[in-house]
Amino acid sequence: MLIKKSLISLALLASLLGASAAFAHAHLESATPAKDSSVTAPKDLRLTFSEGVEATFTKVSLSKDGTEIAIKGLQTPDADKKVLVVTPAAPLAAGNYKVVWNAVSVDTHKSNGEYSFKVGQ
């Protein structure tokens, strides 16, 4: 009887741990350009998340020295939707840039964050 209760408890615990992993939020794992980096003008920005994101419901703002920069498009080209490609409407000029993102993951959880980078001359 004690073994049966232990096995049931173990199975319940394992299912709860698995469920919490399934309902995790999409965290930014890496970005190109990277946080606090100094780069030549990139053609686009690539935000890599811990899980897939829905480009339709995800918002990204880009500003240079406090002035909003127009975004031409957001897309997730890979099947797993973990990489969000942000394409500015015009080439990025030299200056300090701030990226603010509000992501909606494929399981509809929301997460957000921000980081900065610099485009050199």
PDB file of N, CA and C in Angstrom:
ATOM      1  N   MET A   1       0.820  -1.194   0.000  1.00  0.00           N
ATOM      2  CA  MET A   1       0.000   0.000   0.000  1.00  0.00           C
ATOM      3  C   MET A   1       0.868   1.263   0.000  1.00  0.00           C
ATOM      4  N   LEU A   2       1.929   1.239   0.799  1.00  0.00           N
ATOM      5  CA  LEU A   2       2.821   2.389   0.864  1.00  0.00           C
ATOM      6  C   LEU A   2       3.517   2.622  -0.475  1.00  0.00           C
ATOM      7  N   ILE A   3       3.902   1.558  -1.142  1.00  0.00           N
ATOM      8  CA  ILE A   3       4.549   1.676  -2.452  1.00  0.00           C
ATOM      9  C   ILE A   3       3.583   2.275  -3.466  1.00  0.00           C
ATOM     10  N   LYS A   4       2.325   1.843  -3.415  1.00  0.00           N
ATOM     11  CA  LYS A   4       1.314   2.357  -4.350  1.00  0.00           C
ATOM     12  C   LYS A   4       1.104   3.855  -4.139  1.00  0.00           C
ATOM     13  N   LYS A   5       1.012   4.296  -2.871  1.00  0.00           N
ATOM     14  CA  LYS A   5       0.839   5.724  -2.571  1.00  0.00           C
ATOM     15  C   LYS A   5       2.061   6.522  -3.038  1.00  0.00           C
ATOM     16  N   SER A   6       3.230   5.962  -2.839  1.00  0.00           N
ATOM     17  CA  SER A   6       4.458   6.640  -3.268  1.00  0.00           C
ATOM     18  C   SER A   6       4.496   6.799  -4.782  1.00  0.00           C
ATOM     19  N   LEU A   7       4.114   5.748  -5.499  1.00  0.00           N
ATOM     20  CA  LEU A   7       4.095   5.822  -6.964  1.00  0.00           C
ATOM     21  C   LEU A   7       3.063   6.827  -7.463  1.00  0.00           C
ATOM     22  N   ILE A   8       1.899   6.857  -6.831  1.00  0.00           N
ATOM     23  CA  ILE A   8       0.860   7.824  -7.215  1.00  0.00           C
ATOM     24  C   ILE A   8       1.349   9.244  -6.943  1.00  0.00           C
ATOM     25  N   SER A   9       1.961   9.460  -5.785  1.00  0.00           N
ATOM     26  CA  SER A   9       2.491  10.786  -5.451  1.00  0.00           C
ATOM     27  C   SER A   9       3.572  11.215  -6.431  1.00  0.00           C
ATOM     28  N   LEU A  10       4.442  10.290  -6.779  1.00  0.00           N
ATOM     29  CA  LEU A  10       5.510  10.585  -7.732  1.00  0.00           C
ATOM     30  C   LEU A  10       4.942  10.927  -9.107  1.00  0.00           C
ATOM     31  N   ALA A  11       3.941  10.182  -9.546  1.00  0.00           N
ATOM     32  CA  ALA A  11       3.308  10.450 -10.844  1.00  0.00           C
ATOM     33  C   ALA A  11       2.624  11.812 -10.843  1.00  0.00           C
ATOM     34  N   LEU A  12       1.956  12.160  -9.749  1.00  0.00           N
ATOM     35  CA  LEU A  12       1.289  13.462  -9.641  1.00  0.00           C
ATOM     36  C   LEU A  12       2.314  14.594  -9.673  1.00  0.00           C
ATOM     37  N   LEU A  13       3.386  14.430  -8.933  1.00  0.00           N
ATOM     38  CA  LEU A  13       4.438  15.443  -8.920  1.00  0.00           C
ATOM     39  C   LEU A  13       5.053  15.622 -10.303  1.00  0.00           C
ATOM     40  N   ALA A  14       5.320  14.541 -10.994  1.00  0.00           N
ATOM     41  CA  ALA A  14       5.899  14.610 -12.342  1.00  0.00           C
ATOM     42  C   ALA A  14       4.952  15.312 -13.305  1.00  0.00           C
ATOM     43  N   SER A  15       3.655  15.054 -13.191  1.00  0.00           N
ATOM     44  CA  SER A  15       2.704  15.706 -14.099  1.00  0.00           C
ATOM     45  C   SER A  15       2.611  17.198 -13.821  1.00  0.00           C
ATOM     46  N   LEU A  16       2.705  17.595 -12.557  1.00  0.00           N
ATOM     47  CA  LEU A  16       2.673  19.023 -12.226  1.00  0.00           C
ATOM     48  C   LEU A  16       3.916  19.740 -12.731  1.00  0.00           C
ATOM     49  N   LEU A  17       5.070  19.121 -12.594  1.00  0.00           N
ATOM     50  CA  LEU A  17       6.301  19.727 -13.095  1.00  0.00           C
ATOM     51  C   LEU A  17       6.275  19.848 -14.607  1.00  0.00           C
ATOM     52  N   GLY A  18       5.772  18.851 -15.284  1.00  0.00           N
ATOM     53  CA  GLY A  18       5.647  18.896 -16.742  1.00  0.00           C
ATOM     54  C   GLY A  18       4.683  19.973 -17.186  1.00  0.00           C
ATOM     55  N   ALA A  19       3.591  20.155 -16.459  1.00  0.00           N
ATOM     56  CA  ALA A  19       2.596  21.171 -16.810  1.00  0.00           C
ATOM     57  C   ALA A  19       3.169  22.566 -16.641  1.00  0.00           C
ATOM     58  N   SER A  20       3.968  22.789 -15.600  1.00  0.00           N
ATOM     59  CA  SER A  20       4.526  24.125 -15.407  1.00  0.00           C
ATOM     60  C   SER A  20       5.498  24.475 -16.525  1.00  0.00           C
ATOM     61  N   ALA A  21       6.234  23.502 -17.035  1.00  0.00           N
ATOM     62  CA  ALA A  21       7.142  23.764 -18.153  1.00  0.00           C
ATOM     63  C   ALA A  21       6.366  24.077 -19.421  1.00  0.00           C
ATOM     64  N   ALA A  22       5.231  23.430 -19.600  1.00  0.00           N
ATOM     65  CA  ALA A  22       4.426  23.650 -20.804  1.00  0.00           C
ATOM     66  C   ALA A  22       3.793  25.033 -20.818  1.00  0.00           C
ATOM     67  N   PHE A  23       3.598  25.629 -19.642  1.00  0.00           N
ATOM     68  CA  PHE A  23       2.951  26.934 -19.566  1.00  0.00           C
ATOM     69  C   PHE A  23       3.943  28.050 -19.255  1.00  0.00           C
ATOM     70  N   ALA A  24       5.184  27.872 -19.611  1.00  0.00           N
ATOM     71  CA  ALA A  24       6.212  28.884 -19.380  1.00  0.00           C
ATOM     72  C   ALA A  24       6.043  30.039 -20.357  1.00  0.00           C
ATOM     73  N   HIS A  25       6.601  31.171 -19.989  1.00  0.00           N
ATOM     74  CA  HIS A  25       6.562  32.342 -20.857  1.00  0.00           C
ATOM     75  C   HIS A  25       7.740  32.314 -21.826  1.00  0.00           C
ATOM     76  N   ALA A  26       7.585  33.012 -22.931  1.00  0.00           N
ATOM     77  CA  ALA A  26       8.673  33.115 -23.909  1.00  0.00           C
ATOM     78  C   ALA A  26       9.682  34.141 -23.396  1.00  0.00           C
ATOM     79  N   HIS A  27      10.869  33.693 -23.090  1.00  0.00           N
ATOM     80  CA  HIS A  27      11.929  34.591 -22.623  1.00  0.00           C
ATOM     81  C   HIS A  27      12.900  34.849 -23.763  1.00  0.00           C
ATOM     82  N   LEU A  28      13.424  36.061 -23.820  1.00  0.00           N
ATOM     83  CA  LEU A  28      14.408  36.400 -24.839  1.00  0.00           C
ATOM     84  C   LEU A  28      15.714  35.692 -24.492  1.00  0.00           C
ATOM     85  N   GLU A  29      16.148  34.795 -25.368  1.00  0.00           N
ATOM     86  CA  GLU A  29      17.392  34.055 -25.143  1.00  0.00           C
ATOM     87  C   GLU A  29      18.591  34.774 -25.737  1.00  0.00           C
ATOM     88  N   SER A  30      18.397  35.407 -26.893  1.00  0.00           N
ATOM     89  CA  SER A  30      19.487  36.153 -27.524  1.00  0.00           C
ATOM     90  C   SER A  30      18.901  37.142 -28.519  1.00  0.00           C
ATOM     91  N   ALA A  31      19.729  38.077 -28.905  1.00  0.00           N
ATOM     92  CA  ALA A  31      19.301  39.083 -29.880  1.00  0.00           C
ATOM     93  C   ALA A  31      20.485  39.460 -30.755  1.00  0.00           C
ATOM     94  N   THR A  32      20.175  39.794 -32.002  1.00  0.00           N
ATOM     95  CA  THR A  32      21.171  40.305 -32.939  1.00  0.00           C
ATOM     96  C   THR A  32      20.623  41.591 -33.529  1.00  0.00           C
ATOM     97  N   PRO A  33      21.248  42.718 -33.311  1.00  0.00           N
ATOM     98  CA  PRO A  33      22.452  42.957 -32.519  1.00  0.00           C
ATOM     99  C   PRO A  33      22.221  42.626 -31.037  1.00  0.00           C
ATOM    100  N   ALA A  34      23.288  42.250 -30.373  1.00  0.00           N
ATOM    101  CA  ALA A  34      23.223  41.852 -28.972  1.00  0.00           C
ATOM    102  C   ALA A  34      23.075  43.067 -28.058  1.00  0.00           C
ATOM    103  N   LYS A  35      22.588  42.791 -26.857  1.00  0.00           N
ATOM    104  CA  LYS A  35      22.438  43.825 -25.838  1.00  0.00           C
ATOM    105  C   LYS A  35      23.778  44.518 -25.597  1.00  0.00           C
ATOM    106  N   ASP A  36      23.739  45.845 -25.559  1.00  0.00           N
ATOM    107  CA  ASP A  36      24.906  46.693 -25.268  1.00  0.00           C
ATOM    108  C   ASP A  36      26.048  46.553 -26.270  1.00  0.00           C
ATOM    109  N   SER A  37      25.758  46.045 -27.464  1.00  0.00           N
ATOM    110  CA  SER A  37      26.808  45.900 -28.476  1.00  0.00           C
ATOM    111  C   SER A  37      26.916  47.163 -29.325  1.00  0.00           C
ATOM    112  N   SER A  38      28.024  47.288 -30.014  1.00  0.00           N
ATOM    113  CA  SER A  38      28.245  48.361 -30.978  1.00  0.00           C
ATOM    114  C   SER A  38      28.488  47.684 -32.322  1.00  0.00           C
ATOM    115  N   VAL A  39      27.632  47.996 -33.302  1.00  0.00           N
ATOM    116  CA  VAL A  39      27.648  47.273 -34.574  1.00  0.00           C
ATOM    117  C   VAL A  39      27.574  48.236 -35.758  1.00  0.00           C
ATOM    118  N   THR A  40      27.869  47.708 -36.950  1.00  0.00           N
ATOM    119  CA  THR A  40      27.561  48.445 -38.171  1.00  0.00           C
ATOM    120  C   THR A  40      26.064  48.280 -38.406  1.00  0.00           C
ATOM    121  N   ALA A  41      25.482  49.140 -39.201  1.00  0.00           N
ATOM    122  CA  ALA A  41      24.027  49.149 -39.398  1.00  0.00           C
ATOM    123  C   ALA A  41      23.498  47.785 -39.849  1.00  0.00           C
ATOM    124  N   PRO A  42      22.668  47.138 -39.022  1.00  0.00           N
ATOM    125  CA  PRO A  42      22.112  45.843 -39.415  1.00  0.00           C
ATOM    126  C   PRO A  42      20.920  46.017 -40.358  1.00  0.00           C
ATOM    127  N   LYS A  43      20.722  45.048 -41.218  1.00  0.00           N
ATOM    128  CA  LYS A  43      19.578  45.054 -42.134  1.00  0.00           C
ATOM    129  C   LYS A  43      18.285  44.771 -41.369  1.00  0.00           C
ATOM    130  N   ASP A  44      18.394  43.898 -40.364  1.00  0.00           N
ATOM    131  CA  ASP A  44      17.245  43.582 -39.525  1.00  0.00           C
ATOM    132  C   ASP A  44      17.722  43.178 -38.136  1.00  0.00           C
ATOM    133  N   LEU A  45      16.783  43.047 -37.219  1.00  0.00           N
ATOM    134  CA  LEU A  45      17.058  42.595 -35.867  1.00  0.00           C
ATOM    135  C   LEU A  45      16.467  41.202 -35.736  1.00  0.00           C
ATOM    136  N   ARG A  46      17.128  40.345 -34.983  1.00  0.00           N
ATOM    137  CA  ARG A  46      16.632  38.981 -34.771  1.00  0.00           C
ATOM    138  C   ARG A  46      16.568  38.718 -33.276  1.00  0.00           C
ATOM    139  N   LEU A  47      15.357  38.487 -32.808  1.00  0.00           N
ATOM    140  CA  LEU A  47      15.131  38.191 -31.403  1.00  0.00           C
ATOM    141  C   LEU A  47      14.814  36.700 -31.281  1.00  0.00           C
ATOM    142  N   THR A  48      15.614  35.978 -30.517  1.00  0.00           N
ATOM    143  CA  THR A  48      15.422  34.541 -30.353  1.00  0.00           C
ATOM    144  C   THR A  48      14.833  34.270 -28.972  1.00  0.00           C
ATOM    145  N   PHE A  49      13.669  33.616 -28.964  1.00  0.00           N
ATOM    146  CA  PHE A  49      12.941  33.353 -27.729  1.00  0.00           C
ATOM    147  C   PHE A  49      13.060  31.890 -27.310  1.00  0.00           C
ATOM    148  N   SER A  50      12.747  31.636 -26.046  1.00  0.00           N
ATOM    149  CA  SER A  50      12.814  30.282 -25.492  1.00  0.00           C
ATOM    150  C   SER A  50      11.707  29.383 -26.024  1.00  0.00           C
ATOM    151  N   GLU A  51      10.656  29.978 -26.560  1.00  0.00           N
ATOM    152  CA  GLU A  51       9.575  29.223 -27.194  1.00  0.00           C
ATOM    153  C   GLU A  51       8.997  30.075 -28.314  1.00  0.00           C
ATOM    154  N   GLY A  52       8.162  29.480 -29.133  1.00  0.00           N
ATOM    155  CA  GLY A  52       7.604  30.179 -30.278  1.00  0.00           C
ATOM    156  C   GLY A  52       6.753  31.379 -29.891  1.00  0.00           C
ATOM    157  N   VAL A  53       6.774  32.410 -30.740  1.00  0.00           N
ATOM    158  CA  VAL A  53       5.948  33.602 -30.531  1.00  0.00           C
ATOM    159  C   VAL A  53       5.065  33.831 -31.754  1.00  0.00           C
ATOM    160  N   GLU A  54       3.955  34.494 -31.528  1.00  0.00           N
ATOM    161  CA  GLU A  54       3.017  34.830 -32.599  1.00  0.00           C
ATOM    162  C   GLU A  54       3.331  36.239 -33.091  1.00  0.00           C
ATOM    163  N   ALA A  55       3.874  36.353 -34.290  1.00  0.00           N
ATOM    164  CA  ALA A  55       4.258  37.659 -34.840  1.00  0.00           C
ATOM    165  C   ALA A  55       3.064  38.600 -34.939  1.00  0.00           C
ATOM    166  N   THR A  56       1.883  38.065 -35.220  1.00  0.00           N
ATOM    167  CA  THR A  56       0.685  38.889 -35.372  1.00  0.00           C
ATOM    168  C   THR A  56       0.337  39.635 -34.089  1.00  0.00           C
ATOM    169  N   PHE A  57       0.586  39.021 -32.943  1.00  0.00           N
ATOM    170  CA  PHE A  57       0.207  39.618 -31.665  1.00  0.00           C
ATOM    171  C   PHE A  57       1.392  40.186 -30.892  1.00  0.00           C
ATOM    172  N   THR A  58       2.586  40.027 -31.410  1.00  0.00           N
ATOM    173  CA  THR A  58       3.792  40.525 -30.762  1.00  0.00           C
ATOM    174  C   THR A  58       4.099  41.925 -31.275  1.00  0.00           C
ATOM    175  N   LYS A  59       4.499  42.799 -30.374  1.00  0.00           N
ATOM    176  CA  LYS A  59       4.817  44.183 -30.727  1.00  0.00           C
ATOM    177  C   LYS A  59       6.281  44.459 -30.407  1.00  0.00           C
ATOM    178  N   VAL A  60       6.942  45.164 -31.307  1.00  0.00           N
ATOM    179  CA  VAL A  60       8.328  45.584 -31.088  1.00  0.00           C
ATOM    180  C   VAL A  60       8.420  47.045 -31.473  1.00  0.00           C
ATOM    181  N   SER A  61       8.994  47.849 -30.586  1.00  0.00           N
ATOM    182  CA  SER A  61       9.261  49.244 -30.948  1.00  0.00           C
ATOM    183  C   SER A  61      10.769  49.452 -30.929  1.00  0.00           C
ATOM    184  N   LEU A  62      11.213  50.269 -31.845  1.00  0.00           N
ATOM    185  CA  LEU A  62      12.628  50.589 -32.000  1.00  0.00           C
ATOM    186  C   LEU A  62      12.748  52.100 -31.983  1.00  0.00           C
ATOM    187  N   SER A  63      13.631  52.614 -31.154  1.00  0.00           N
ATOM    188  CA  SER A  63      13.826  54.065 -31.113  1.00  0.00           C
ATOM    189  C   SER A  63      15.312  54.384 -31.150  1.00  0.00           C
ATOM    190  N   LYS A  64      15.622  55.532 -31.748  1.00  0.00           N
ATOM    191  CA  LYS A  64      17.003  56.015 -31.844  1.00  0.00           C
ATOM    192  C   LYS A  64      17.081  57.322 -31.079  1.00  0.00           C
ATOM    193  N   ASP A  65      17.901  57.329 -30.048  1.00  0.00           N
ATOM    194  CA  ASP A  65      18.070  58.525 -29.230  1.00  0.00           C
ATOM    195  C   ASP A  65      16.718  59.105 -28.814  1.00  0.00           C
ATOM    196  N   GLY A  66      15.751  58.225 -28.497  1.00  0.00           N
ATOM    197  CA  GLY A  66      14.438  58.648 -28.022  1.00  0.00           C
ATOM    198  C   GLY A  66      13.393  58.877 -29.096  1.00  0.00           C
ATOM    199  N   THR A  67      13.766  58.795 -30.375  1.00  0.00           N
ATOM    200  CA  THR A  67      12.822  59.011 -31.477  1.00  0.00           C
ATOM    201  C   THR A  67      12.425  57.669 -32.083  1.00  0.00           C
ATOM    202  N   GLU A  68      11.114  57.457 -32.201  1.00  0.00           N
ATOM    203  CA  GLU A  68      10.594  56.193 -32.735  1.00  0.00           C
ATOM    204  C   GLU A  68      11.056  55.962 -34.174  1.00  0.00           C
ATOM    205  N   ILE A  69      11.458  54.731 -34.476  1.00  0.00           N
ATOM    206  CA  ILE A  69      11.872  54.318 -35.818  1.00  0.00           C
ATOM    207  C   ILE A  69      10.777  53.416 -36.385  1.00  0.00           C
ATOM    208  N   ALA A  70      10.365  53.676 -37.613  1.00  0.00           N
ATOM    209  CA  ALA A  70       9.313  52.869 -38.244  1.00  0.00           C
ATOM    210  C   ALA A  70       9.801  51.444 -38.495  1.00  0.00           C
ATOM    211  N   ILE A  71       8.909  50.498 -38.244  1.00  0.00           N
ATOM    212  CA  ILE A  71       9.175  49.079 -38.483  1.00  0.00           C
ATOM    213  C   ILE A  71       8.400  48.656 -39.729  1.00  0.00           C
ATOM    214  N   LYS A  72       9.107  48.068 -40.690  1.00  0.00           N
ATOM    215  CA  LYS A  72       8.466  47.604 -41.926  1.00  0.00           C
ATOM    216  C   LYS A  72       7.761  46.272 -41.729  1.00  0.00           C
ATOM    217  N   GLY A  73       8.317  45.410 -40.903  1.00  0.00           N
ATOM    218  CA  GLY A  73       7.688  44.111 -40.721  1.00  0.00           C
ATOM    219  C   GLY A  73       8.244  43.295 -39.581  1.00  0.00           C
ATOM    220  N   LEU A  74       7.392  42.399 -39.077  1.00  0.00           N
ATOM    221  CA  LEU A  74       7.759  41.398 -38.081  1.00  0.00           C
ATOM    222  C   LEU A  74       7.379  40.047 -38.660  1.00  0.00           C
ATOM    223  N   GLN A  75       8.280  39.104 -38.589  1.00  0.00           N
ATOM    224  CA  GLN A  75       7.937  37.766 -39.068  1.00  0.00           C
ATOM    225  C   GLN A  75       8.709  36.705 -38.301  1.00  0.00           C
ATOM    226  N   THR A  76       8.154  35.502 -38.288  1.00  0.00           N
ATOM    227  CA  THR A  76       8.805  34.337 -37.689  1.00  0.00           C
ATOM    228  C   THR A  76       9.020  33.327 -38.812  1.00  0.00           C
ATOM    229  N   PRO A  77      10.190  33.367 -39.471  1.00  0.00           N
ATOM    230  CA  PRO A  77      10.414  32.546 -40.657  1.00  0.00           C
ATOM    231  C   PRO A  77      10.561  31.047 -40.400  1.00  0.00           C
ATOM    232  N   ASP A  78      10.943  30.664 -39.190  1.00  0.00           N
ATOM    233  CA  ASP A  78      11.158  29.243 -38.899  1.00  0.00           C
ATOM    234  C   ASP A  78       9.875  28.585 -38.402  1.00  0.00           C
ATOM    235  N   ALA A  79       9.751  27.292 -38.615  1.00  0.00           N
ATOM    236  CA  ALA A  79       8.552  26.543 -38.224  1.00  0.00           C
ATOM    237  C   ALA A  79       8.296  26.598 -36.719  1.00  0.00           C
ATOM    238  N   ASP A  80       9.366  26.643 -35.908  1.00  0.00           N
ATOM    239  CA  ASP A  80       9.159  26.662 -34.457  1.00  0.00           C
ATOM    240  C   ASP A  80       8.821  28.056 -33.921  1.00  0.00           C
ATOM    241  N   LYS A  81       8.888  29.072 -34.756  1.00  0.00           N
ATOM    242  CA  LYS A  81       8.517  30.461 -34.437  1.00  0.00           C
ATOM    243  C   LYS A  81       9.321  31.060 -33.286  1.00  0.00           C
ATOM    244  N   LYS A  82      10.509  30.533 -33.021  1.00  0.00           N
ATOM    245  CA  LYS A  82      11.319  31.048 -31.923  1.00  0.00           C
ATOM    246  C   LYS A  82      12.109  32.295 -32.298  1.00  0.00           C
ATOM    247  N   VAL A  83      12.355  32.501 -33.585  1.00  0.00           N
ATOM    248  CA  VAL A  83      13.119  33.667 -34.034  1.00  0.00           C
ATOM    249  C   VAL A  83      12.160  34.679 -34.643  1.00  0.00           C
ATOM    250  N   LEU A  84      12.154  35.884 -34.064  1.00  0.00           N
ATOM    251  CA  LEU A  84      11.337  36.979 -34.573  1.00  0.00           C
ATOM    252  C   LEU A  84      12.263  37.925 -35.325  1.00  0.00           C
ATOM    253  N   VAL A  85      11.995  38.134 -36.609  1.00  0.00           N
ATOM    254  CA  VAL A  85      12.804  39.030 -37.434  1.00  0.00           C
ATOM    255  C   VAL A  85      12.088  40.376 -37.506  1.00  0.00           C
ATOM    256  N   VAL A  86      12.788  41.420 -37.096  1.00  0.00           N
ATOM    257  CA  VAL A  86      12.253  42.780 -37.080  1.00  0.00           C
ATOM    258  C   VAL A  86      12.971  43.562 -38.169  1.00  0.00           C
ATOM    259  N   THR A  87      12.216  44.049 -39.157  1.00  0.00           N
ATOM    260  CA  THR A  87      12.819  44.770 -40.277  1.00  0.00           C
ATOM    261  C   THR A  87      12.463  46.249 -40.197  1.00  0.00           C
ATOM    262  N   PRO A  88      13.465  47.114 -39.984  1.00  0.00           N
ATOM    263  CA  PRO A  88      13.197  48.554 -39.983  1.00  0.00           C
ATOM    264  C   PRO A  88      12.783  49.027 -41.378  1.00  0.00           C
ATOM    265  N   ALA A  89      11.998  50.100 -41.432  1.00  0.00           N
ATOM    266  CA  ALA A  89      11.520  50.633 -42.709  1.00  0.00           C
ATOM    267  C   ALA A  89      12.644  51.287 -43.507  1.00  0.00           C
ATOM    268  N   ALA A  90      13.680  51.744 -42.832  1.00  0.00           N
ATOM    269  CA  ALA A  90      14.809  52.409 -43.496  1.00  0.00           C
ATOM    270  C   ALA A  90      16.105  51.943 -42.834  1.00  0.00           C
ATOM    271  N   PRO A  91      17.230  52.088 -43.535  1.00  0.00           N
ATOM    272  CA  PRO A  91      18.519  51.717 -42.931  1.00  0.00           C
ATOM    273  C   PRO A  91      18.752  52.483 -41.627  1.00  0.00           C
ATOM    274  N   LEU A  92      19.386  51.828 -40.674  1.00  0.00           N
ATOM    275  CA  LEU A  92      19.644  52.453 -39.380  1.00  0.00           C
ATOM    276  C   LEU A  92      20.890  53.329 -39.449  1.00  0.00           C
ATOM    277  N   ALA A  93      20.725  54.577 -39.049  1.00  0.00           N
ATOM    278  CA  ALA A  93      21.839  55.528 -39.017  1.00  0.00           C
ATOM    279  C   ALA A  93      22.605  55.366 -37.705  1.00  0.00           C
ATOM    280  N   ALA A  94      23.768  55.974 -37.631  1.00  0.00           N
ATOM    281  CA  ALA A  94      24.572  55.921 -36.412  1.00  0.00           C
ATOM    282  C   ALA A  94      23.785  56.508 -35.245  1.00  0.00           C
ATOM    283  N   GLY A  95      23.914  55.884 -34.086  1.00  0.00           N
ATOM    284  CA  GLY A  95      23.229  56.374 -32.893  1.00  0.00           C
ATOM    285  C   GLY A  95      22.962  55.257 -31.901  1.00  0.00           C
ATOM    286  N   ASN A  96      22.319  55.628 -30.813  1.00  0.00           N
ATOM    287  CA  ASN A  96      21.961  54.684 -29.756  1.00  0.00           C
ATOM    288  C   ASN A  96      20.519  54.238 -29.943  1.00  0.00           C
ATOM    289  N   TYR A  97      20.302  52.939 -29.963  1.00  0.00           N
ATOM    290  CA  TYR A  97      18.979  52.374 -30.221  1.00  0.00           C
ATOM    291  C   TYR A  97      18.470  51.610 -29.005  1.00  0.00           C
ATOM    292  N   LYS A  98      17.152  51.665 -28.839  1.00  0.00           N
ATOM    293  CA  LYS A  98      16.483  50.919 -27.778  1.00  0.00           C
ATOM    294  C   LYS A  98      15.404  50.059 -28.419  1.00  0.00           C
ATOM    295  N   VAL A  99      15.380  48.793 -28.042  1.00  0.00           N
ATOM    296  CA  VAL A  99      14.379  47.840 -28.525  1.00  0.00           C
ATOM    297  C   VAL A  99      13.478  47.484 -27.343  1.00  0.00           C
ATOM    298  N   VAL A 100      12.177  47.663 -27.525  1.00  0.00           N
ATOM    299  CA  VAL A 100      11.199  47.280 -26.505  1.00  0.00           C
ATOM    300  C   VAL A 100      10.283  46.249 -27.142  1.00  0.00           C
ATOM    301  N   TRP A 101      10.155  45.083 -26.526  1.00  0.00           N
ATOM    302  CA  TRP A 101       9.326  44.023 -27.096  1.00  0.00           C
ATOM    303  C   TRP A 101       8.270  43.544 -26.107  1.00  0.00           C
ATOM    304  N   ASN A 102       7.108  43.232 -26.658  1.00  0.00           N
ATOM    305  CA  ASN A 102       5.987  42.638 -25.927  1.00  0.00           C
ATOM    306  C   ASN A 102       5.573  41.421 -26.732  1.00  0.00           C
ATOM    307  N   ALA A 103       5.966  40.250 -26.275  1.00  0.00           N
ATOM    308  CA  ALA A 103       5.737  39.023 -27.038  1.00  0.00           C
ATOM    309  C   ALA A 103       4.532  38.256 -26.512  1.00  0.00           C
ATOM    310  N   VAL A 104       3.836  37.625 -27.448  1.00  0.00           N
ATOM    311  CA  VAL A 104       2.773  36.676 -27.113  1.00  0.00           C
ATOM    312  C   VAL A 104       3.233  35.327 -27.654  1.00  0.00           C
ATOM    313  N   SER A 105       3.432  34.385 -26.739  1.00  0.00           N
ATOM    314  CA  SER A 105       3.927  33.070 -27.154  1.00  0.00           C
ATOM    315  C   SER A 105       2.815  32.259 -27.798  1.00  0.00           C
ATOM    316  N   VAL A 106       3.195  31.165 -28.433  1.00  0.00           N
ATOM    317  CA  VAL A 106       2.219  30.319 -29.122  1.00  0.00           C
ATOM    318  C   VAL A 106       1.189  29.736 -28.157  1.00  0.00           C
ATOM    319  N   ASP A 107       1.514  29.678 -26.851  1.00  0.00           N
ATOM    320  CA  ASP A 107       0.521  29.222 -25.873  1.00  0.00           C
ATOM    321  C   ASP A 107      -0.207  30.401 -25.223  1.00  0.00           C
ATOM    322  N   THR A 108      -0.125  31.575 -25.845  1.00  0.00           N
ATOM    323  CA  THR A 108      -0.821  32.835 -25.505  1.00  0.00           C
ATOM    324  C   THR A 108      -0.321  33.535 -24.248  1.00  0.00           C
ATOM    325  N   HIS A 109       0.775  33.112 -23.664  1.00  0.00           N
ATOM    326  CA  HIS A 109       1.321  33.842 -22.523  1.00  0.00           C
ATOM    327  C   HIS A 109       2.072  35.075 -23.017  1.00  0.00           C
ATOM    328  N   LYS A 110       2.033  36.134 -22.219  1.00  0.00           N
ATOM    329  CA  LYS A 110       2.681  37.393 -22.588  1.00  0.00           C
ATOM    330  C   LYS A 110       3.963  37.575 -21.788  1.00  0.00           C
ATOM    331  N   SER A 111       4.953  38.175 -22.433  1.00  0.00           N
ATOM    332  CA  SER A 111       6.193  38.546 -21.763  1.00  0.00           C
ATOM    333  C   SER A 111       6.729  39.795 -22.447  1.00  0.00           C
ATOM    334  N   ASN A 112       7.621  40.495 -21.765  1.00  0.00           N
ATOM    335  CA  ASN A 112       8.152  41.726 -22.349  1.00  0.00           C
ATOM    336  C   ASN A 112       9.552  41.993 -21.839  1.00  0.00           C
ATOM    337  N   GLY A 113      10.204  42.919 -22.498  1.00  0.00           N
ATOM    338  CA  GLY A 113      11.544  43.305 -22.101  1.00  0.00           C
ATOM    339  C   GLY A 113      12.087  44.381 -23.016  1.00  0.00           C
ATOM    340  N   GLU A 114      13.304  44.762 -22.756  1.00  0.00           N
ATOM    341  CA  GLU A 114      13.950  45.787 -23.579  1.00  0.00           C
ATOM    342  C   GLU A 114      15.457  45.634 -23.495  1.00  0.00           C
ATOM    343  N   TYR A 115      16.119  46.176 -24.478  1.00  0.00           N
ATOM    344  CA  TYR A 115      17.580  46.209 -24.474  1.00  0.00           C
ATOM    345  C   TYR A 115      18.033  47.312 -25.422  1.00  0.00           C
ATOM    346  N   SER A 116      19.305  47.653 -25.351  1.00  0.00           N
ATOM    347  CA  SER A 116      19.865  48.721 -26.183  1.00  0.00           C
ATOM    348  C   SER A 116      21.092  48.229 -26.928  1.00  0.00           C
ATOM    349  N   PHE A 117      21.377  48.898 -28.033  1.00  0.00           N
ATOM    350  CA  PHE A 117      22.602  48.660 -28.787  1.00  0.00           C
ATOM    351  C   PHE A 117      22.969  49.957 -29.491  1.00  0.00           C
ATOM    352  N   LYS A 118      24.159  49.988 -30.030  1.00  0.00           N
ATOM    353  CA  LYS A 118      24.652  51.198 -30.694  1.00  0.00           C
ATOM    354  C   LYS A 118      25.070  50.861 -32.114  1.00  0.00           C
ATOM    355  N   VAL A 119      24.700  51.733 -33.044  1.00  0.00           N
ATOM    356  CA  VAL A 119      25.182  51.629 -34.422  1.00  0.00           C
ATOM    357  C   VAL A 119      26.284  52.669 -34.560  1.00  0.00           C
ATOM    358  N   GLY A 120      27.482  52.197 -34.928  1.00  0.00           N
ATOM    359  CA  GLY A 120      28.626  53.095 -35.077  1.00  0.00           C
ATOM    360  C   GLY A 120      28.633  53.760 -36.432  1.00  0.00           C
ATOM    361  N   GLN A 121      29.615  54.601 -36.633  1.00  0.00           N
ATOM    362  CA  GLN A 121      29.689  55.356 -37.886  1.00  0.00           C
ATOM    363  C   GLN A 121      30.474  54.615 -38.930  1.00  0.00           C
TER     364      GLN A 121
END
